[in-house]
């Protein structure tokens, strides 16, 4: 039994090409070695010994390979952060939500106000959660139902607030749903001096750790990256401690005390000065940091048009 489990265990620890190669190598090595030993033990002559060694090796190889592939296919249980980091890439997490889930969310999003200008980015096609939809945080259930919706001003910046782009850096279910590690193709299609992000993070991490990175795609094919750091650019969006001492470096744009749940909800404002204001920005990608467990949210984004 231990022989059969060895290659499957190797593949489950590294659930990718390297893990499968390690599992295959151990399958052959264990099967040949132990097959020869067992075949030799029960043989009465040299010819009989050879045939029994081949038979024992073949049986053990089948058992090992079966354990390897069945184990990899059935590994749906909880995994450690380290295993999640190694075994899941952002390429495989882009489409973590089903079409049915996205269609259900779309019905909860109010229409865009006709008075919303082009400087208020339209995130309609990118939303994957409603403001009133609850998700788990380390202090319990939370949502953004109390956040004012529509055309709103936070921190002196105008935003179109109607839904949430929610990310999850690692594979975990939240009220039966799995949110993606990244969202791509947020349309901008404009030249601008600055980008403003109204965002948050609902799981605490270490000060100085990157939470999310916005990748700016310019119309000329070049890119720029905007890494946002916990404690400086974004803080904890649901906290029971004194909010004035939690992540003091992050700029709070909105806060509200939830009396029923007994915690304060917050969103933060980060402004980024465009390094190429003369070139139009085509799209943005929001990419969570899979090396730590974080659940960042982007509620709205605006641009400051270039002259």
C-alpha atoms as a PDB file:
ATOM      1  CA  UNK A   1       0.000   0.000   0.000  1.00  0.00           C
ATOM      2  CA  UNK A   2       2.825   2.419   0.884  1.00  0.00           C
ATOM      3  CA  UNK A   3       4.479   1.624  -2.446  1.00  0.00           C
ATOM      4  CA  UNK A   4       1.306   2.550  -4.313  1.00  0.00           C
ATOM      5  CA  UNK A   5       0.842   5.777  -2.379  1.00  0.00           C
ATOM      6  CA  UNK A   6       4.383   7.091  -2.826  1.00  0.00           C
ATOM      7  CA  UNK A   7       4.080   8.345  -6.440  1.00  0.00           C
ATOM      8  CA  UNK A   8       0.560   9.690  -5.844  1.00  0.00           C
ATOM      9  CA  UNK A   9       1.828  11.630  -2.851  1.00  0.00           C
ATOM     10  CA  UNK A  10       4.630  13.166  -4.880  1.00  0.00           C
ATOM     11  CA  UNK A  11       2.220  14.306  -7.560  1.00  0.00           C
ATOM     12  CA  UNK A  12      -0.214  15.797  -5.032  1.00  0.00           C
ATOM     13  CA  UNK A  13       2.491  17.837  -3.311  1.00  0.00           C
ATOM     14  CA  UNK A  14       3.513  19.297  -6.669  1.00  0.00           C
ATOM     15  CA  UNK A  15       0.303  19.086  -8.669  1.00  0.00           C
ATOM     16  CA  UNK A  16       1.833  20.085 -11.994  1.00  0.00           C
ATOM     17  CA  UNK A  17       4.208  18.731 -14.641  1.00  0.00           C
ATOM     18  CA  UNK A  18       7.101  18.358 -12.180  1.00  0.00           C
ATOM     19  CA  UNK A  19       4.907  16.461  -9.717  1.00  0.00           C
ATOM     20  CA  UNK A  20       3.631  14.083 -12.381  1.00  0.00           C
ATOM     21  CA  UNK A  21       7.160  13.353 -13.607  1.00  0.00           C
ATOM     22  CA  UNK A  22       8.267  12.658 -10.037  1.00  0.00           C
ATOM     23  CA  UNK A  23       5.291  10.344  -9.569  1.00  0.00           C
ATOM     24  CA  UNK A  24       6.017   8.449 -12.789  1.00  0.00           C
ATOM     25  CA  UNK A  25       9.675   8.055 -11.868  1.00  0.00           C
ATOM     26  CA  UNK A  26       8.816   6.692  -8.421  1.00  0.00           C
ATOM     27  CA  UNK A  27       6.204   4.368  -9.948  1.00  0.00           C
ATOM     28  CA  UNK A  28       8.742   2.708 -12.218  1.00  0.00           C
ATOM     29  CA  UNK A  29      11.508   2.673  -9.600  1.00  0.00           C
ATOM     30  CA  UNK A  30       9.350   1.166  -6.830  1.00  0.00           C
ATOM     31  CA  UNK A  31       7.659  -1.333  -9.129  1.00  0.00           C
ATOM     32  CA  UNK A  32      10.874  -2.666 -10.654  1.00  0.00           C
ATOM     33  CA  UNK A  33      12.781  -2.846  -7.377  1.00  0.00           C
ATOM     34  CA  UNK A  34      10.117  -4.476  -5.275  1.00  0.00           C
ATOM     35  CA  UNK A  35       8.857  -6.618  -8.184  1.00  0.00           C
ATOM     36  CA  UNK A  36      12.293  -8.196  -8.570  1.00  0.00           C
ATOM     37  CA  UNK A  37      12.555  -8.768  -4.819  1.00  0.00           C
ATOM     38  CA  UNK A  38       9.147 -10.418  -4.505  1.00  0.00           C
ATOM     39  CA  UNK A  39       9.481 -12.362  -7.740  1.00  0.00           C
ATOM     40  CA  UNK A  40      12.829 -13.779  -6.637  1.00  0.00           C
ATOM     41  CA  UNK A  41      11.476 -14.770  -3.226  1.00  0.00           C
ATOM     42  CA  UNK A  42       8.780 -17.058  -4.624  1.00  0.00           C
ATOM     43  CA  UNK A  43      10.642 -18.536  -7.601  1.00  0.00           C
ATOM     44  CA  UNK A  44      11.992 -22.145  -7.681  1.00  0.00           C
ATOM     45  CA  UNK A  45      14.377 -21.852 -10.648  1.00  0.00           C
ATOM     46  CA  UNK A  46      15.989 -19.200 -12.862  1.00  0.00           C
ATOM     47  CA  UNK A  47      13.313 -19.307 -15.597  1.00  0.00           C
ATOM     48  CA  UNK A  48      10.485 -19.233 -13.117  1.00  0.00           C
ATOM     49  CA  UNK A  49      12.212 -16.411 -11.247  1.00  0.00           C
ATOM     50  CA  UNK A  50      12.377 -14.217 -14.356  1.00  0.00           C
ATOM     51  CA  UNK A  51       8.716 -14.710 -15.229  1.00  0.00           C
ATOM     52  CA  UNK A  52       7.591 -14.042 -11.656  1.00  0.00           C
ATOM     53  CA  UNK A  53       9.739 -10.874 -11.485  1.00  0.00           C
ATOM     54  CA  UNK A  54       8.143  -9.561 -14.694  1.00  0.00           C
ATOM     55  CA  UNK A  55       4.640 -10.413 -13.442  1.00  0.00           C
ATOM     56  CA  UNK A  56       5.194  -8.794 -10.012  1.00  0.00           C
ATOM     57  CA  UNK A  57       6.724  -5.693 -11.598  1.00  0.00           C
ATOM     58  CA  UNK A  58       3.800  -5.303 -14.006  1.00  0.00           C
ATOM     59  CA  UNK A  59       1.216  -5.655 -11.225  1.00  0.00           C
ATOM     60  CA  UNK A  60       2.967  -3.126  -8.989  1.00  0.00           C
ATOM     61  CA  UNK A  61       3.391  -0.692 -11.881  1.00  0.00           C
ATOM     62  CA  UNK A  62      -0.347  -0.831 -12.631  1.00  0.00           C
ATOM     63  CA  UNK A  63      -1.161  -0.256  -8.941  1.00  0.00           C
ATOM     64  CA  UNK A  64       1.252   2.681  -8.726  1.00  0.00           C
ATOM     65  CA  UNK A  65       0.034   4.378 -11.891  1.00  0.00           C
ATOM     66  CA  UNK A  66      -3.582   3.931 -10.861  1.00  0.00           C
ATOM     67  CA  UNK A  67      -2.885   5.528  -7.473  1.00  0.00           C
ATOM     68  CA  UNK A  68      -1.002   8.333  -9.169  1.00  0.00           C
ATOM     69  CA  UNK A  69      -3.732   9.379 -11.597  1.00  0.00           C
ATOM     70  CA  UNK A  70      -6.718   8.655  -9.374  1.00  0.00           C
ATOM     71  CA  UNK A  71      -5.090  10.574  -6.525  1.00  0.00           C
ATOM     72  CA  UNK A  72      -4.415  13.605  -8.709  1.00  0.00           C
ATOM     73  CA  UNK A  73      -7.939  13.583 -10.108  1.00  0.00           C
ATOM     74  CA  UNK A  74      -9.642  13.309  -6.721  1.00  0.00           C
ATOM     75  CA  UNK A  75      -7.636  15.850  -4.735  1.00  0.00           C
ATOM     76  CA  UNK A  76     -10.399  18.331  -3.926  1.00  0.00           C
ATOM     77  CA  UNK A  77      -9.861  18.591  -0.194  1.00  0.00           C
ATOM     78  CA  UNK A  78      -8.419  21.529   1.732  1.00  0.00           C
ATOM     79  CA  UNK A  79      -4.778  22.312   1.064  1.00  0.00           C
ATOM     80  CA  UNK A  80      -2.194  24.385   2.845  1.00  0.00           C
ATOM     81  CA  UNK A  81      -1.289  27.882   1.641  1.00  0.00           C
ATOM     82  CA  UNK A  82       2.044  26.547   0.398  1.00  0.00           C
ATOM     83  CA  UNK A  83       0.386  23.796  -1.631  1.00  0.00           C
ATOM     84  CA  UNK A  84      -2.085  26.286  -3.100  1.00  0.00           C
ATOM     85  CA  UNK A  85       0.730  28.648  -4.071  1.00  0.00           C
ATOM     86  CA  UNK A  86       2.727  25.904  -5.780  1.00  0.00           C
ATOM     87  CA  UNK A  87      -0.124  24.000  -7.363  1.00  0.00           C
ATOM     88  CA  UNK A  88      -2.267  26.792  -8.788  1.00  0.00           C
ATOM     89  CA  UNK A  89      -1.194  29.445 -11.270  1.00  0.00           C
ATOM     90  CA  UNK A  90      -3.028  32.569 -12.289  1.00  0.00           C
ATOM     91  CA  UNK A  91      -3.387  31.108 -15.781  1.00  0.00           C
ATOM     92  CA  UNK A  92      -5.650  28.409 -14.330  1.00  0.00           C
ATOM     93  CA  UNK A  93      -7.493  30.837 -12.057  1.00  0.00           C
ATOM     94  CA  UNK A  94      -8.644  33.401 -14.643  1.00  0.00           C
ATOM     95  CA  UNK A  95     -12.017  31.768 -15.238  1.00  0.00           C
ATOM     96  CA  UNK A  96     -12.754  30.495 -11.723  1.00  0.00           C
ATOM     97  CA  UNK A  97     -16.366  31.695 -11.938  1.00  0.00           C
ATOM     98  CA  UNK A  98     -18.980  30.044 -14.121  1.00  0.00           C
ATOM     99  CA  UNK A  99     -21.101  31.855 -16.676  1.00  0.00           C
ATOM    100  CA  UNK A 100     -24.205  31.114 -14.579  1.00  0.00           C
ATOM    101  CA  UNK A 101     -22.657  32.801 -11.543  1.00  0.00           C
ATOM    102  CA  UNK A 102     -21.709  35.880 -13.547  1.00  0.00           C
ATOM    103  CA  UNK A 103     -25.179  36.105 -15.087  1.00  0.00           C
ATOM    104  CA  UNK A 104     -26.737  35.906 -11.629  1.00  0.00           C
ATOM    105  CA  UNK A 105     -24.461  38.693 -10.393  1.00  0.00           C
ATOM    106  CA  UNK A 106     -25.281  40.857 -13.417  1.00  0.00           C
ATOM    107  CA  UNK A 107     -28.960  40.874 -12.432  1.00  0.00           C
ATOM    108  CA  UNK A 108     -28.012  42.456  -9.087  1.00  0.00           C
ATOM    109  CA  UNK A 109     -26.064  45.341 -10.665  1.00  0.00           C
ATOM    110  CA  UNK A 110     -27.970  48.545 -11.314  1.00  0.00           C
ATOM    111  CA  UNK A 111     -27.679  50.145 -14.780  1.00  0.00           C
ATOM    112  CA  UNK A 112     -24.993  52.753 -15.351  1.00  0.00           C
ATOM    113  CA  UNK A 113     -26.156  56.330 -14.910  1.00  0.00           C
ATOM    114  CA  UNK A 114     -26.416  58.069 -18.317  1.00  0.00           C
ATOM    115  CA  UNK A 115     -24.718  61.099 -16.766  1.00  0.00           C
ATOM    116  CA  UNK A 116     -21.567  59.108 -15.958  1.00  0.00           C
ATOM    117  CA  UNK A 117     -18.696  60.559 -17.980  1.00  0.00           C
ATOM    118  CA  UNK A 118     -15.963  58.614 -19.746  1.00  0.00           C
ATOM    119  CA  UNK A 119     -13.575  59.482 -16.909  1.00  0.00           C
ATOM    120  CA  UNK A 120     -15.591  57.150 -14.679  1.00  0.00           C
ATOM    121  CA  UNK A 121     -14.551  53.709 -15.892  1.00  0.00           C
ATOM    122  CA  UNK A 122     -17.431  51.427 -16.774  1.00  0.00           C
ATOM    123  CA  UNK A 123     -16.819  48.133 -14.932  1.00  0.00           C
ATOM    124  CA  UNK A 124     -20.171  46.601 -15.858  1.00  0.00           C
ATOM    125  CA  UNK A 125     -18.696  43.685 -17.810  1.00  0.00           C
ATOM    126  CA  UNK A 126     -16.038  43.068 -15.154  1.00  0.00           C
ATOM    127  CA  UNK A 127     -18.137  42.897 -11.979  1.00  0.00           C
ATOM    128  CA  UNK A 128     -18.241  39.436 -10.413  1.00  0.00           C
ATOM    129  CA  UNK A 129     -19.997  40.278  -7.118  1.00  0.00           C
ATOM    130  CA  UNK A 130     -22.773  42.565  -5.929  1.00  0.00           C
ATOM    131  CA  UNK A 131     -22.247  45.154  -3.202  1.00  0.00           C
ATOM    132  CA  UNK A 132     -24.833  43.452  -0.981  1.00  0.00           C
ATOM    133  CA  UNK A 133     -23.334  39.998  -1.515  1.00  0.00           C
ATOM    134  CA  UNK A 134     -21.670  38.619   1.629  1.00  0.00           C
ATOM    135  CA  UNK A 135     -18.267  36.963   1.811  1.00  0.00           C
ATOM    136  CA  UNK A 136     -16.128  35.630   4.618  1.00  0.00           C
ATOM    137  CA  UNK A 137     -13.398  37.635   6.316  1.00  0.00           C
ATOM    138  CA  UNK A 138     -11.188  36.643   9.219  1.00  0.00           C
ATOM    139  CA  UNK A 139     -13.619  38.370  11.589  1.00  0.00           C
ATOM    140  CA  UNK A 140     -16.754  36.888  10.049  1.00  0.00           C
ATOM    141  CA  UNK A 141     -19.281  37.728   7.363  1.00  0.00           C
ATOM    142  CA  UNK A 142     -19.079  41.110   5.606  1.00  0.00           C
ATOM    143  CA  UNK A 143     -20.392  42.974   2.572  1.00  0.00           C
ATOM    144  CA  UNK A 144     -20.574  46.490   1.148  1.00  0.00           C
ATOM    145  CA  UNK A 145     -24.338  46.933   1.239  1.00  0.00           C
ATOM    146  CA  UNK A 146     -23.950  50.169   3.238  1.00  0.00           C
ATOM    147  CA  UNK A 147     -21.773  51.781   0.562  1.00  0.00           C
ATOM    148  CA  UNK A 148     -23.624  54.587  -1.300  1.00  0.00           C
ATOM    149  CA  UNK A 149     -24.244  53.572  -4.909  1.00  0.00           C
ATOM    150  CA  UNK A 150     -24.352  55.423  -8.178  1.00  0.00           C
ATOM    151  CA  UNK A 151     -22.281  58.506  -8.973  1.00  0.00           C
ATOM    152  CA  UNK A 152     -20.436  59.212  -5.720  1.00  0.00           C
ATOM    153  CA  UNK A 153     -17.455  61.255  -4.557  1.00  0.00           C
ATOM    154  CA  UNK A 154     -14.932  59.680  -2.184  1.00  0.00           C
ATOM    155  CA  UNK A 155     -11.711  61.375  -1.162  1.00  0.00           C
ATOM    156  CA  UNK A 156     -12.422  64.203  -3.600  1.00  0.00           C
ATOM    157  CA  UNK A 157     -12.647  61.817  -6.581  1.00  0.00           C
ATOM    158  CA  UNK A 158     -15.805  61.029  -8.529  1.00  0.00           C
ATOM    159  CA  UNK A 159     -16.649  57.324  -9.016  1.00  0.00           C
ATOM    160  CA  UNK A 160     -19.325  55.136 -10.572  1.00  0.00           C
ATOM    161  CA  UNK A 161     -20.213  52.726  -7.723  1.00  0.00           C
ATOM    162  CA  UNK A 162     -22.463  49.788  -8.603  1.00  0.00           C
ATOM    163  CA  UNK A 163     -20.706  46.464  -8.034  1.00  0.00           C
ATOM    164  CA  UNK A 164     -17.479  44.725  -7.047  1.00  0.00           C
ATOM    165  CA  UNK A 165     -14.578  43.065  -8.813  1.00  0.00           C
ATOM    166  CA  UNK A 166     -13.523  40.541  -6.208  1.00  0.00           C
ATOM    167  CA  UNK A 167     -10.308  38.525  -6.325  1.00  0.00           C
ATOM    168  CA  UNK A 168      -9.007  35.687  -4.189  1.00  0.00           C
ATOM    169  CA  UNK A 169      -5.292  34.991  -4.320  1.00  0.00           C
ATOM    170  CA  UNK A 170      -5.649  31.293  -3.470  1.00  0.00           C
ATOM    171  CA  UNK A 171      -8.201  28.554  -4.028  1.00  0.00           C
ATOM    172  CA  UNK A 172     -10.874  28.770  -1.336  1.00  0.00           C
ATOM    173  CA  UNK A 173     -14.656  28.590  -1.479  1.00  0.00           C
ATOM    174  CA  UNK A 174     -16.591  31.583  -0.201  1.00  0.00           C
ATOM    175  CA  UNK A 175     -20.324  30.966   0.308  1.00  0.00           C
ATOM    176  CA  UNK A 176     -20.032  28.218  -2.302  1.00  0.00           C
ATOM    177  CA  UNK A 177     -18.216  30.370  -4.877  1.00  0.00           C
ATOM    178  CA  UNK A 178     -14.602  30.513  -6.013  1.00  0.00           C
ATOM    179  CA  UNK A 179     -13.364  33.932  -7.088  1.00  0.00           C
ATOM    180  CA  UNK A 180     -10.565  34.354  -9.647  1.00  0.00           C
ATOM    181  CA  UNK A 181      -6.975  35.276  -8.908  1.00  0.00           C
ATOM    182  CA  UNK A 182      -7.030  37.912 -11.636  1.00  0.00           C
ATOM    183  CA  UNK A 183      -9.449  39.851 -13.820  1.00  0.00           C
ATOM    184  CA  UNK A 184      -8.290  41.068 -17.221  1.00  0.00           C
ATOM    185  CA  UNK A 185      -9.497  43.477 -19.858  1.00  0.00           C
ATOM    186  CA  UNK A 186     -10.894  46.376 -17.802  1.00  0.00           C
ATOM    187  CA  UNK A 187     -11.541  48.927 -20.549  1.00  0.00           C
ATOM    188  CA  UNK A 188     -10.039  52.423 -20.362  1.00  0.00           C
ATOM    189  CA  UNK A 189      -9.480  53.546 -23.985  1.00  0.00           C
ATOM    190  CA  UNK A 190      -8.268  57.024 -23.062  1.00  0.00           C
ATOM    191  CA  UNK A 191      -5.215  59.151 -22.358  1.00  0.00           C
ATOM    192  CA  UNK A 192      -4.890  60.244 -18.752  1.00  0.00           C
ATOM    193  CA  UNK A 193      -2.596  61.874 -16.226  1.00  0.00           C
ATOM    194  CA  UNK A 194      -3.759  59.807 -13.268  1.00  0.00           C
ATOM    195  CA  UNK A 195      -5.669  56.651 -12.400  1.00  0.00           C
ATOM    196  CA  UNK A 196      -7.734  56.498  -9.196  1.00  0.00           C
ATOM    197  CA  UNK A 197      -8.726  53.203  -7.570  1.00  0.00           C
ATOM    198  CA  UNK A 198     -11.457  52.801  -4.949  1.00  0.00           C
ATOM    199  CA  UNK A 199     -10.620  49.448  -3.455  1.00  0.00           C
ATOM    200  CA  UNK A 200     -10.093  47.311  -0.359  1.00  0.00           C
ATOM    201  CA  UNK A 201      -8.916  43.992   1.028  1.00  0.00           C
ATOM    202  CA  UNK A 202     -10.904  41.724   3.328  1.00  0.00           C
ATOM    203  CA  UNK A 203      -8.143  39.497   4.670  1.00  0.00           C
ATOM    204  CA  UNK A 204      -5.268  40.725   6.802  1.00  0.00           C
ATOM    205  CA  UNK A 205      -1.691  40.163   5.752  1.00  0.00           C
ATOM    206  CA  UNK A 206       1.744  41.485   6.667  1.00  0.00           C
ATOM    207  CA  UNK A 207       2.472  45.202   6.340  1.00  0.00           C
ATOM    208  CA  UNK A 208       4.641  45.674   3.267  1.00  0.00           C
ATOM    209  CA  UNK A 209       3.241  42.649   1.428  1.00  0.00           C
ATOM    210  CA  UNK A 210       1.880  43.234  -2.058  1.00  0.00           C
ATOM    211  CA  UNK A 211      -1.883  42.711  -2.180  1.00  0.00           C
ATOM    212  CA  UNK A 212      -2.775  43.390  -5.796  1.00  0.00           C
ATOM    213  CA  UNK A 213      -1.014  44.618  -8.911  1.00  0.00           C
ATOM    214  CA  UNK A 214      -2.723  46.596 -11.662  1.00  0.00           C
ATOM    215  CA  UNK A 215      -1.163  46.013 -15.067  1.00  0.00           C
ATOM    216  CA  UNK A 216      -1.648  48.925 -17.452  1.00  0.00           C
ATOM    217  CA  UNK A 217      -1.804  48.011 -21.154  1.00  0.00           C
ATOM    218  CA  UNK A 218      -1.093  50.930 -23.465  1.00  0.00           C
ATOM    219  CA  UNK A 219      -2.393  51.259 -27.003  1.00  0.00           C
ATOM    220  CA  UNK A 220       1.181  51.050 -28.344  1.00  0.00           C
ATOM    221  CA  UNK A 221       1.618  47.552 -26.892  1.00  0.00           C
ATOM    222  CA  UNK A 222       3.730  48.513 -23.882  1.00  0.00           C
ATOM    223  CA  UNK A 223       2.762  47.948 -20.251  1.00  0.00           C
ATOM    224  CA  UNK A 224       3.294  49.487 -16.823  1.00  0.00           C
ATOM    225  CA  UNK A 225       2.669  47.926 -13.435  1.00  0.00           C
ATOM    226  CA  UNK A 226       1.117  49.420 -10.316  1.00  0.00           C
ATOM    227  CA  UNK A 227       1.864  47.262  -7.240  1.00  0.00           C
ATOM    228  CA  UNK A 228      -0.275  48.102  -4.199  1.00  0.00           C
ATOM    229  CA  UNK A 229       1.174  47.280  -0.797  1.00  0.00           C
ATOM    230  CA  UNK A 230      -0.665  46.382   2.392  1.00  0.00           C
ATOM    231  CA  UNK A 231      -0.409  49.134   4.997  1.00  0.00           C
ATOM    232  CA  UNK A 232       0.661  51.800   2.500  1.00  0.00           C
ATOM    233  CA  UNK A 233      -1.844  51.692  -0.366  1.00  0.00           C
ATOM    234  CA  UNK A 234      -4.573  49.454   0.995  1.00  0.00           C
ATOM    235  CA  UNK A 235      -5.530  48.159   4.423  1.00  0.00           C
ATOM    236  CA  UNK A 236      -8.019  45.878   6.095  1.00  0.00           C
ATOM    237  CA  UNK A 237     -11.564  46.593   4.943  1.00  0.00           C
ATOM    238  CA  UNK A 238     -13.339  44.906   7.866  1.00  0.00           C
ATOM    239  CA  UNK A 239     -11.777  45.357  11.284  1.00  0.00           C
ATOM    240  CA  UNK A 240     -12.852  45.181  14.912  1.00  0.00           C
ATOM    241  CA  UNK A 241      -9.817  47.056  16.237  1.00  0.00           C
ATOM    242  CA  UNK A 242      -9.586  50.845  16.250  1.00  0.00           C
ATOM    243  CA  UNK A 243      -9.699  51.746  12.554  1.00  0.00           C
ATOM    244  CA  UNK A 244      -7.541  54.827  13.126  1.00  0.00           C
ATOM    245  CA  UNK A 245      -4.552  52.676  14.120  1.00  0.00           C
ATOM    246  CA  UNK A 246      -5.090  49.849  11.612  1.00  0.00           C
ATOM    247  CA  UNK A 247      -2.958  50.478   8.489  1.00  0.00           C
ATOM    248  CA  UNK A 248      -2.381  54.193   9.192  1.00  0.00           C
ATOM    249  CA  UNK A 249      -0.499  54.704   5.911  1.00  0.00           C
ATOM    250  CA  UNK A 250      -3.409  53.754   3.667  1.00  0.00           C
ATOM    251  CA  UNK A 251      -5.747  56.560   2.591  1.00  0.00           C
ATOM    252  CA  UNK A 252      -9.292  55.814   3.789  1.00  0.00           C
ATOM    253  CA  UNK A 253     -11.918  57.055   1.320  1.00  0.00           C
ATOM    254  CA  UNK A 254     -15.034  55.611   2.973  1.00  0.00           C
ATOM    255  CA  UNK A 255     -15.819  53.974   6.305  1.00  0.00           C
ATOM    256  CA  UNK A 256     -18.942  52.791   8.071  1.00  0.00           C
ATOM    257  CA  UNK A 257     -19.548  51.084  11.399  1.00  0.00           C
ATOM    258  CA  UNK A 258     -21.677  47.962  11.066  1.00  0.00           C
ATOM    259  CA  UNK A 259     -23.533  47.835  14.383  1.00  0.00           C
ATOM    260  CA  UNK A 260     -25.098  44.444  13.697  1.00  0.00           C
ATOM    261  CA  UNK A 261     -21.775  42.733  13.040  1.00  0.00           C
ATOM    262  CA  UNK A 262     -19.745  44.962  15.354  1.00  0.00           C
ATOM    263  CA  UNK A 263     -16.982  45.958  12.947  1.00  0.00           C
ATOM    264  CA  UNK A 264     -15.918  48.892  10.800  1.00  0.00           C
ATOM    265  CA  UNK A 265     -15.927  48.610   7.010  1.00  0.00           C
ATOM    266  CA  UNK A 266     -13.507  50.672   4.956  1.00  0.00           C
ATOM    267  CA  UNK A 267     -12.468  51.347   1.392  1.00  0.00           C
ATOM    268  CA  UNK A 268      -9.258  53.021   0.325  1.00  0.00           C
ATOM    269  CA  UNK A 269      -8.239  55.456  -2.394  1.00  0.00           C
ATOM    270  CA  UNK A 270      -5.025  55.017  -4.335  1.00  0.00           C
ATOM    271  CA  UNK A 271      -3.980  57.443  -7.087  1.00  0.00           C
ATOM    272  CA  UNK A 272      -1.301  56.537  -9.624  1.00  0.00           C
ATOM    273  CA  UNK A 273       0.434  59.081 -11.826  1.00  0.00           C
ATOM    274  CA  UNK A 274       0.605  57.789 -15.386  1.00  0.00           C
ATOM    275  CA  UNK A 275       4.156  57.389 -16.661  1.00  0.00           C
ATOM    276  CA  UNK A 276       3.047  57.776 -20.316  1.00  0.00           C
ATOM    277  CA  UNK A 277       0.207  60.332 -20.402  1.00  0.00           C
ATOM    278  CA  UNK A 278       0.765  60.928 -24.112  1.00  0.00           C
ATOM    279  CA  UNK A 279      -0.254  57.335 -24.968  1.00  0.00           C
ATOM    280  CA  UNK A 280      -3.797  56.022 -24.563  1.00  0.00           C
ATOM    281  CA  UNK A 281      -4.382  53.269 -22.025  1.00  0.00           C
ATOM    282  CA  UNK A 282      -6.292  50.406 -23.644  1.00  0.00           C
ATOM    283  CA  UNK A 283      -7.047  48.107 -20.705  1.00  0.00           C
ATOM    284  CA  UNK A 284      -6.162  47.231 -17.116  1.00  0.00           C
ATOM    285  CA  UNK A 285      -5.634  43.869 -15.424  1.00  0.00           C
ATOM    286  CA  UNK A 286      -6.090  43.342 -11.679  1.00  0.00           C
ATOM    287  CA  UNK A 287      -3.823  40.560 -10.389  1.00  0.00           C
ATOM    288  CA  UNK A 288      -3.804  39.387  -6.763  1.00  0.00           C
ATOM    289  CA  UNK A 289      -0.594  38.239  -5.075  1.00  0.00           C
ATOM    290  CA  UNK A 290      -0.779  34.436  -4.915  1.00  0.00           C
ATOM    291  CA  UNK A 291       2.193  34.258  -2.525  1.00  0.00           C
ATOM    292  CA  UNK A 292       0.003  35.420   0.361  1.00  0.00           C
ATOM    293  CA  UNK A 293      -3.680  34.861   1.125  1.00  0.00           C
ATOM    294  CA  UNK A 294      -5.570  38.086   0.349  1.00  0.00           C
ATOM    295  CA  UNK A 295      -9.051  38.930  -0.958  1.00  0.00           C
ATOM    296  CA  UNK A 296      -8.767  42.324  -2.675  1.00  0.00           C
ATOM    297  CA  UNK A 297     -11.772  44.119  -4.138  1.00  0.00           C
ATOM    298  CA  UNK A 298     -11.962  46.853  -6.767  1.00  0.00           C
ATOM    299  CA  UNK A 299     -15.195  48.806  -6.408  1.00  0.00           C
ATOM    300  CA  UNK A 300     -14.592  51.621  -8.887  1.00  0.00           C
ATOM    301  CA  UNK A 301     -11.905  53.352 -10.928  1.00  0.00           C
ATOM    302  CA  UNK A 302     -11.615  56.777 -12.518  1.00  0.00           C
ATOM    303  CA  UNK A 303      -9.132  58.613 -14.675  1.00  0.00           C
ATOM    304  CA  UNK A 304      -7.942  62.199 -14.765  1.00  0.00           C
ATOM    305  CA  UNK A 305      -7.896  62.986 -18.499  1.00  0.00           C
ATOM    306  CA  UNK A 306      -4.720  64.256 -20.100  1.00  0.00           C
ATOM    307  CA  UNK A 307      -4.721  67.799 -21.498  1.00  0.00           C
END
